[in-house]
């Protein structure tokens, strides 16, 4: 249950970020209409109604390569030339 809630929260945040940055544009093109509901001696009858319609436009991401010159630092390892003699505890 917890992973599903976490996934829904991440999806909602992604949608909000996409809308906020302009990457996703959502426009409602048809409004919703509630159905007519009547009751009869047999029960409840619903007629008509309409779901809303939306037009969703998303941005695109282009991935490519280009040549570039990058300076890479040179690493040089220099061994010590003057080592001290080992210290002993002799008396």
Protein backbone atom coordinates (compact mmCIF):
# COMPACT_ATOMS: atom_id res chain seq x y z
CA UNK A 1 0.00 0.00 0.00
CA UNK A 2 2.77 2.43 0.89
CA UNK A 3 4.69 2.01 -2.38
CA UNK A 4 1.51 2.72 -4.35
CA UNK A 5 0.90 5.93 -2.40
CA UNK A 6 4.52 6.97 -2.90
CA UNK A 7 4.26 6.37 -6.65
CA UNK A 8 1.05 8.43 -6.83
CA UNK A 9 2.66 11.29 -4.91
CA UNK A 10 5.71 11.26 -7.20
CA UNK A 11 3.47 11.19 -10.30
CA UNK A 12 1.42 14.13 -8.98
CA UNK A 13 4.57 16.12 -8.24
CA UNK A 14 5.90 15.37 -11.71
CA UNK A 15 2.65 16.56 -13.26
CA UNK A 16 2.67 19.76 -11.21
CA UNK A 17 6.30 20.47 -12.09
CA UNK A 18 5.57 19.81 -15.78
CA UNK A 19 2.64 22.22 -15.77
CA UNK A 20 4.52 24.83 -13.74
CA UNK A 21 7.50 24.87 -16.10
CA UNK A 22 5.35 24.97 -19.24
CA UNK A 23 6.45 21.52 -20.42
CA UNK A 24 2.82 20.32 -20.24
CA UNK A 25 -0.13 22.44 -21.38
CA UNK A 26 -3.64 21.19 -20.56
CA UNK A 27 -6.72 22.94 -21.99
CA UNK A 28 -10.32 21.90 -21.42
CA UNK A 29 -12.14 21.87 -24.77
CA UNK A 30 -15.51 20.47 -23.65
CA UNK A 31 -17.18 20.95 -20.31
CA UNK A 32 -18.86 18.29 -18.22
CA UNK A 33 -22.62 17.92 -17.97
CA UNK A 34 -24.32 16.07 -15.17
CA UNK A 35 -26.84 13.37 -16.17
CA UNK A 36 -30.56 13.72 -15.53
CA UNK A 37 -31.50 11.44 -12.67
CA UNK A 38 -35.08 10.32 -12.10
CA UNK A 39 -36.56 7.82 -9.74
CA UNK A 40 -39.23 5.32 -10.64
CA UNK A 41 -40.86 2.48 -8.80
CA UNK A 42 -38.14 0.21 -10.31
CA UNK A 43 -35.20 2.31 -9.06
CA UNK A 44 -33.05 5.18 -10.23
CA UNK A 45 -32.66 6.05 -13.92
CA UNK A 46 -29.86 8.24 -15.28
CA UNK A 47 -29.98 9.71 -18.80
CA UNK A 48 -27.60 11.92 -20.70
CA UNK A 49 -24.54 13.53 -19.25
CA UNK A 50 -21.20 14.23 -20.80
CA UNK A 51 -17.62 13.75 -19.71
CA UNK A 52 -15.19 16.63 -20.09
CA UNK A 53 -12.62 16.61 -22.88
CA UNK A 54 -9.09 17.94 -22.64
CA UNK A 55 -6.41 18.89 -25.14
CA UNK A 56 -2.94 18.06 -23.81
CA UNK A 57 0.22 19.36 -25.45
CA UNK A 58 3.60 18.26 -24.20
CA UNK A 59 7.05 19.59 -24.94
CA UNK A 60 9.74 17.55 -26.57
CA UNK A 61 13.24 16.66 -25.55
CA UNK A 62 15.97 16.51 -28.14
CA UNK A 63 19.05 14.47 -27.31
CA UNK A 64 22.17 14.81 -29.37
CA UNK A 65 25.92 15.04 -29.26
CA UNK A 66 28.42 17.74 -30.05
CA UNK A 67 32.20 17.93 -30.10
CA UNK A 68 33.90 19.82 -27.30
CA UNK A 69 37.45 20.26 -26.07
CA UNK A 70 37.79 19.64 -22.36
CA UNK A 71 40.95 20.27 -20.36
CA UNK A 72 41.73 17.32 -18.13
CA UNK A 73 44.14 17.85 -15.22
CA UNK A 74 47.34 15.82 -15.35
CA UNK A 75 48.11 13.71 -12.30
CA UNK A 76 51.73 12.84 -11.62
CA UNK A 77 52.86 10.54 -8.82
CA UNK A 78 56.35 11.32 -7.57
CA UNK A 79 57.95 8.79 -5.20
CA UNK A 80 59.76 10.27 -2.20
CA UNK A 81 63.49 10.68 -2.80
CA UNK A 82 64.65 11.27 0.77
CA UNK A 83 63.30 8.66 3.14
CA UNK A 84 64.25 8.76 6.81
CA UNK A 85 65.81 5.68 8.38
CA UNK A 86 63.38 3.55 10.36
CA UNK A 87 63.22 4.37 14.04
CA UNK A 88 64.05 1.59 16.44
CA UNK A 89 63.68 1.48 20.20
CA UNK A 90 67.06 -0.12 20.92
CA UNK A 91 68.96 0.73 24.12
